[in-house]
Amino acid sequence: MGIKHIFIWIIALLLGVGIGGGSYWLGKVYHNFKANLQVQTDLQREIRQLRSQITRLEAKKQDLFQIKQLLKQVQNKLKPQGWNTYTLNEEAKITPEELRILLETVSKGRPYRANFWFMPQEFAFLVQPKTKNNKQNVNESNKKQEITYRFKLKGKFLTPQGF
């Protein structure tokens, strides 16, 4: 074996180590590339989600600004000096139709638009059937009984000044 053979073995050994090391390095680079590609995909998805969230929050910000402006206008009108008050303290007997009208007047769900509000402090009513005599015969008991209501209503009607 001559120097030539030793030289060939050294070159073969260096080529083997180089190819093995290069393959290992190439495998590491490919693995890192795939991992970074997955991280990039995840980050892009997160960026899309954050952008859509920013869009929703900006829309809510605009809505909140409008609500804040509306609340500011309402608060300016809700100052006590901006309202006329009319105290109500009633107790009486009324018919069912009168009770219906009274409830519509003082309720928030009345079917008409009014420029007043009612602030109740006390509201009670009692159903009282009208009875004639204790001596009712069978024919009279089958008749429809008339009903009256006894109510007590205490509170304040509020109207904005200028109405």
C-alpha atoms as a PDB file:
ATOM      1  CA  MET A   1       0.000   0.000   0.000  1.00  0.00           C
ATOM      2  CA  GLY A   2       1.382   3.139  -1.005  1.00  0.00           C
ATOM      3  CA  ILE A   3       0.879   6.714  -0.272  1.00  0.00           C
ATOM      4  CA  LYS A   4      -1.595   6.841  -3.054  1.00  0.00           C
ATOM      5  CA  HIS A   5      -3.871   4.355  -1.314  1.00  0.00           C
ATOM      6  CA  ILE A   6      -3.599   6.144   1.998  1.00  0.00           C
ATOM      7  CA  PHE A   7      -4.419   9.376   0.250  1.00  0.00           C
ATOM      8  CA  ILE A   8      -7.520   7.782  -1.382  1.00  0.00           C
ATOM      9  CA  TRP A   9      -8.639   6.405   2.034  1.00  0.00           C
ATOM     10  CA  ILE A  10      -8.218   9.810   3.611  1.00  0.00           C
ATOM     11  CA  ILE A  11     -10.233  11.436   0.810  1.00  0.00           C
ATOM     12  CA  ALA A  12     -12.931   8.707   1.100  1.00  0.00           C
ATOM     13  CA  LEU A  13     -13.038   9.178   4.865  1.00  0.00           C
ATOM     14  CA  LEU A  14     -13.305  12.959   4.486  1.00  0.00           C
ATOM     15  CA  LEU A  15     -16.017  12.564   1.831  1.00  0.00           C
ATOM     16  CA  GLY A  16     -17.948  10.141   4.073  1.00  0.00           C
ATOM     17  CA  VAL A  17     -17.749  12.485   7.072  1.00  0.00           C
ATOM     18  CA  GLY A  18     -18.644  15.458   4.840  1.00  0.00           C
ATOM     19  CA  ILE A  19     -21.642  13.719   3.260  1.00  0.00           C
ATOM     20  CA  GLY A  20     -22.824  12.426   6.648  1.00  0.00           C
ATOM     21  CA  GLY A  21     -22.385  15.823   8.289  1.00  0.00           C
ATOM     22  CA  GLY A  22     -24.002  17.542   5.331  1.00  0.00           C
ATOM     23  CA  SER A  23     -26.965  15.164   5.446  1.00  0.00           C
ATOM     24  CA  TYR A  24     -27.373  15.755   9.189  1.00  0.00           C
ATOM     25  CA  TRP A  25     -27.147  19.523   8.702  1.00  0.00           C
ATOM     26  CA  LEU A  26     -29.594  19.400   5.771  1.00  0.00           C
ATOM     27  CA  GLY A  27     -32.045  17.363   7.907  1.00  0.00           C
ATOM     28  CA  LYS A  28     -31.804  19.946  10.711  1.00  0.00           C
ATOM     29  CA  VAL A  29     -32.334  22.817   8.275  1.00  0.00           C
ATOM     30  CA  TYR A  30     -35.375  21.065   6.748  1.00  0.00           C
ATOM     31  CA  HIS A  31     -36.848  20.338  10.206  1.00  0.00           C
ATOM     32  CA  ASN A  32     -36.344  23.975  11.273  1.00  0.00           C
ATOM     33  CA  PHE A  33     -37.876  25.140   7.978  1.00  0.00           C
ATOM     34  CA  LYS A  34     -41.034  23.028   8.563  1.00  0.00           C
ATOM     35  CA  ALA A  35     -41.272  24.219  12.175  1.00  0.00           C
ATOM     36  CA  ASN A  36     -40.884  27.859  11.140  1.00  0.00           C
ATOM     37  CA  LEU A  37     -43.455  27.360   8.373  1.00  0.00           C
ATOM     38  CA  GLN A  38     -45.973  26.080  10.968  1.00  0.00           C
ATOM     39  CA  VAL A  39     -45.161  29.004  13.279  1.00  0.00           C
ATOM     40  CA  GLN A  40     -45.640  31.414  10.365  1.00  0.00           C
ATOM     41  CA  THR A  41     -49.026  29.852   9.521  1.00  0.00           C
ATOM     42  CA  ASP A  42     -50.121  30.095  13.180  1.00  0.00           C
ATOM     43  CA  LEU A  43     -48.972  33.717  13.397  1.00  0.00           C
ATOM     44  CA  GLN A  44     -50.786  34.640  10.176  1.00  0.00           C
ATOM     45  CA  ARG A  45     -53.990  33.063  11.515  1.00  0.00           C
ATOM     46  CA  GLU A  46     -53.564  34.959  14.790  1.00  0.00           C
ATOM     47  CA  ILE A  47     -52.954  38.220  12.877  1.00  0.00           C
ATOM     48  CA  ARG A  48     -56.190  37.668  10.898  1.00  0.00           C
ATOM     49  CA  GLN A  49     -58.099  37.023  14.133  1.00  0.00           C
ATOM     50  CA  LEU A  50     -56.611  40.101  15.786  1.00  0.00           C
ATOM     51  CA  ARG A  51     -57.430  42.277  12.755  1.00  0.00           C
ATOM     52  CA  SER A  52     -61.044  41.099  12.773  1.00  0.00           C
ATOM     53  CA  GLN A  53     -61.173  41.737  16.527  1.00  0.00           C
ATOM     54  CA  ILE A  54     -59.762  45.239  15.964  1.00  0.00           C
ATOM     55  CA  THR A  55     -62.469  45.856  13.350  1.00  0.00           C
ATOM     56  CA  ARG A  56     -65.189  44.708  15.790  1.00  0.00           C
ATOM     57  CA  LEU A  57     -63.743  46.817  18.610  1.00  0.00           C
ATOM     58  CA  GLU A  58     -63.568  49.895  16.378  1.00  0.00           C
ATOM     59  CA  ALA A  59     -67.224  49.391  15.467  1.00  0.00           C
ATOM     60  CA  LYS A  60     -68.067  49.046  19.161  1.00  0.00           C
ATOM     61  CA  LYS A  61     -65.991  52.137  19.883  1.00  0.00           C
ATOM     62  CA  GLN A  62     -68.128  54.111  17.442  1.00  0.00           C
ATOM     63  CA  ASP A  63     -71.300  52.701  19.009  1.00  0.00           C
ATOM     64  CA  LEU A  64     -70.041  53.535  22.506  1.00  0.00           C
ATOM     65  CA  PHE A  65     -69.190  57.058  21.404  1.00  0.00           C
ATOM     66  CA  GLN A  66     -72.742  57.534  20.098  1.00  0.00           C
ATOM     67  CA  ILE A  67     -74.194  56.078  23.300  1.00  0.00           C
ATOM     68  CA  LYS A  68     -71.972  58.356  25.370  1.00  0.00           C
ATOM     69  CA  GLN A  69     -73.187  61.378  23.398  1.00  0.00           C
ATOM     70  CA  LEU A  70     -76.802  60.294  23.883  1.00  0.00           C
ATOM     71  CA  LEU A  71     -76.271  59.770  27.618  1.00  0.00           C
ATOM     72  CA  LYS A  72     -74.719  63.204  27.883  1.00  0.00           C
ATOM     73  CA  GLN A  73     -77.784  64.740  26.215  1.00  0.00           C
ATOM     74  CA  VAL A  74     -80.142  62.757  28.441  1.00  0.00           C
ATOM     75  CA  GLN A  75     -78.234  63.629  31.622  1.00  0.00           C
ATOM     76  CA  ASN A  76     -78.430  67.306  30.745  1.00  0.00           C
ATOM     77  CA  LYS A  77     -82.206  66.975  30.449  1.00  0.00           C
ATOM     78  CA  LEU A  78     -82.551  64.885  33.619  1.00  0.00           C
ATOM     79  CA  LYS A  79     -81.461  67.629  35.982  1.00  0.00           C
ATOM     80  CA  PRO A  80     -84.221  68.351  38.530  1.00  0.00           C
ATOM     81  CA  GLN A  81     -84.503  72.009  37.525  1.00  0.00           C
ATOM     82  CA  GLY A  82     -85.428  70.916  33.988  1.00  0.00           C
ATOM     83  CA  TRP A  83     -88.695  69.240  35.047  1.00  0.00           C
ATOM     84  CA  ASN A  84     -92.131  70.332  36.194  1.00  0.00           C
ATOM     85  CA  THR A  85     -93.578  67.995  38.839  1.00  0.00           C
ATOM     86  CA  TYR A  86     -97.216  67.404  39.692  1.00  0.00           C
ATOM     87  CA  THR A  87     -97.876  65.415  42.854  1.00  0.00           C
ATOM     88  CA  LEU A  88    -100.678  62.881  42.800  1.00  0.00           C
ATOM     89  CA  ASN A  89    -102.238  61.287  45.894  1.00  0.00           C
ATOM     90  CA  GLU A  90    -105.592  59.709  45.069  1.00  0.00           C
ATOM     91  CA  GLU A  91    -107.781  57.061  46.607  1.00  0.00           C
ATOM     92  CA  ALA A  92    -111.189  56.201  45.153  1.00  0.00           C
ATOM     93  CA  LYS A  93    -113.536  53.577  43.740  1.00  0.00           C
ATOM     94  CA  ILE A  94    -113.428  53.200  39.967  1.00  0.00           C
ATOM     95  CA  THR A  95    -114.893  50.978  37.264  1.00  0.00           C
ATOM     96  CA  PRO A  96    -112.833  48.467  35.240  1.00  0.00           C
ATOM     97  CA  GLU A  97    -112.728  50.847  32.262  1.00  0.00           C
ATOM     98  CA  GLU A  98    -111.470  53.692  34.440  1.00  0.00           C
ATOM     99  CA  LEU A  99    -108.833  51.346  35.895  1.00  0.00           C
ATOM    100  CA  ARG A 100    -107.676  50.431  32.367  1.00  0.00           C
ATOM    101  CA  ILE A 101    -107.333  54.110  31.450  1.00  0.00           C
ATOM    102  CA  LEU A 102    -105.485  54.822  34.702  1.00  0.00           C
ATOM    103  CA  LEU A 103    -103.043  51.948  34.114  1.00  0.00           C
ATOM    104  CA  GLU A 104    -102.377  53.097  30.540  1.00  0.00           C
ATOM    105  CA  THR A 105    -101.764  56.631  31.741  1.00  0.00           C
ATOM    106  CA  VAL A 106     -99.224  55.756  34.411  1.00  0.00           C
ATOM    107  CA  SER A 107     -97.521  52.870  32.593  1.00  0.00           C
ATOM    108  CA  LYS A 108     -94.455  53.082  30.431  1.00  0.00           C
ATOM    109  CA  GLY A 109     -96.098  50.877  27.817  1.00  0.00           C
ATOM    110  CA  ARG A 110     -98.962  53.176  26.971  1.00  0.00           C
ATOM    111  CA  PRO A 111    -100.095  53.009  23.346  1.00  0.00           C
ATOM    112  CA  TYR A 112     -99.644  56.717  22.660  1.00  0.00           C
ATOM    113  CA  ARG A 113     -96.715  59.061  22.813  1.00  0.00           C
ATOM    114  CA  ALA A 114     -96.943  61.504  25.685  1.00  0.00           C
ATOM    115  CA  ASN A 115     -94.657  64.218  26.959  1.00  0.00           C
ATOM    116  CA  PHE A 116     -94.912  63.137  30.562  1.00  0.00           C
ATOM    117  CA  TRP A 117     -93.656  60.353  32.792  1.00  0.00           C
ATOM    118  CA  PHE A 118     -95.107  58.990  35.976  1.00  0.00           C
ATOM    119  CA  MET A 119     -92.844  58.220  38.914  1.00  0.00           C
ATOM    120  CA  PRO A 120     -94.877  55.941  41.206  1.00  0.00           C
ATOM    121  CA  GLN A 121     -94.324  55.861  44.931  1.00  0.00           C
ATOM    122  CA  GLU A 122     -97.302  53.719  45.873  1.00  0.00           C
ATOM    123  CA  PHE A 123     -99.871  51.890  43.781  1.00  0.00           C
ATOM    124  CA  ALA A 124    -102.447  49.404  45.047  1.00  0.00           C
ATOM    125  CA  PHE A 125    -105.892  48.288  44.013  1.00  0.00           C
ATOM    126  CA  LEU A 126    -108.478  45.937  45.453  1.00  0.00           C
ATOM    127  CA  VAL A 127    -111.192  44.100  43.545  1.00  0.00           C
ATOM    128  CA  GLN A 128    -114.623  44.605  45.136  1.00  0.00           C
ATOM    129  CA  PRO A 129    -117.625  42.780  43.714  1.00  0.00           C
ATOM    130  CA  LYS A 130    -120.833  44.734  44.133  1.00  0.00           C
ATOM    131  CA  THR A 131    -123.329  42.854  46.291  1.00  0.00           C
ATOM    132  CA  LYS A 132    -126.943  43.913  46.671  1.00  0.00           C
ATOM    133  CA  ASN A 133    -128.482  42.124  49.652  1.00  0.00           C
ATOM    134  CA  ASN A 134    -127.558  39.089  51.613  1.00  0.00           C
ATOM    135  CA  LYS A 135    -130.883  37.586  50.485  1.00  0.00           C
ATOM    136  CA  GLN A 136    -130.088  36.694  46.866  1.00  0.00           C
ATOM    137  CA  ASN A 137    -132.132  34.057  45.132  1.00  0.00           C
ATOM    138  CA  VAL A 138    -130.771  31.443  42.736  1.00  0.00           C
ATOM    139  CA  ASN A 139    -131.642  33.468  39.615  1.00  0.00           C
ATOM    140  CA  GLU A 140    -129.729  36.527  40.808  1.00  0.00           C
ATOM    141  CA  SER A 141    -126.605  34.541  41.703  1.00  0.00           C
ATOM    142  CA  ASN A 142    -126.347  33.326  38.102  1.00  0.00           C
ATOM    143  CA  LYS A 143    -126.260  36.920  36.830  1.00  0.00           C
ATOM    144  CA  LYS A 144    -122.909  38.519  36.094  1.00  0.00           C
ATOM    145  CA  GLN A 145    -121.724  40.465  39.122  1.00  0.00           C
ATOM    146  CA  GLU A 146    -120.567  44.024  38.638  1.00  0.00           C
ATOM    147  CA  ILE A 147    -117.047  44.644  39.849  1.00  0.00           C
ATOM    148  CA  THR A 148    -115.553  47.868  41.099  1.00  0.00           C
ATOM    149  CA  TYR A 149    -111.989  48.553  42.006  1.00  0.00           C
ATOM    150  CA  ARG A 150    -110.702  50.494  44.934  1.00  0.00           C
ATOM    151  CA  PHE A 151    -107.326  52.019  44.181  1.00  0.00           C
ATOM    152  CA  LYS A 152    -104.692  54.067  45.888  1.00  0.00           C
ATOM    153  CA  LEU A 153    -102.167  55.894  43.759  1.00  0.00           C
ATOM    154  CA  LYS A 154     -99.379  58.092  44.993  1.00  0.00           C
ATOM    155  CA  GLY A 155     -96.570  59.523  42.883  1.00  0.00           C
ATOM    156  CA  LYS A 156     -95.464  62.367  40.656  1.00  0.00           C
ATOM    157  CA  PHE A 157     -96.121  63.250  37.054  1.00  0.00           C
ATOM    158  CA  LEU A 158     -93.025  64.741  35.419  1.00  0.00           C
ATOM    159  CA  THR A 159     -93.001  66.929  32.325  1.00  0.00           C
ATOM    160  CA  PRO A 160     -89.932  68.508  30.747  1.00  0.00           C
ATOM    161  CA  GLN A 161     -89.962  72.276  30.975  1.00  0.00           C
ATOM    162  CA  GLY A 162     -90.988  73.851  27.719  1.00  0.00           C
ATOM    163  CA  PHE A 163     -93.718  71.299  26.909  1.00  0.00           C
END
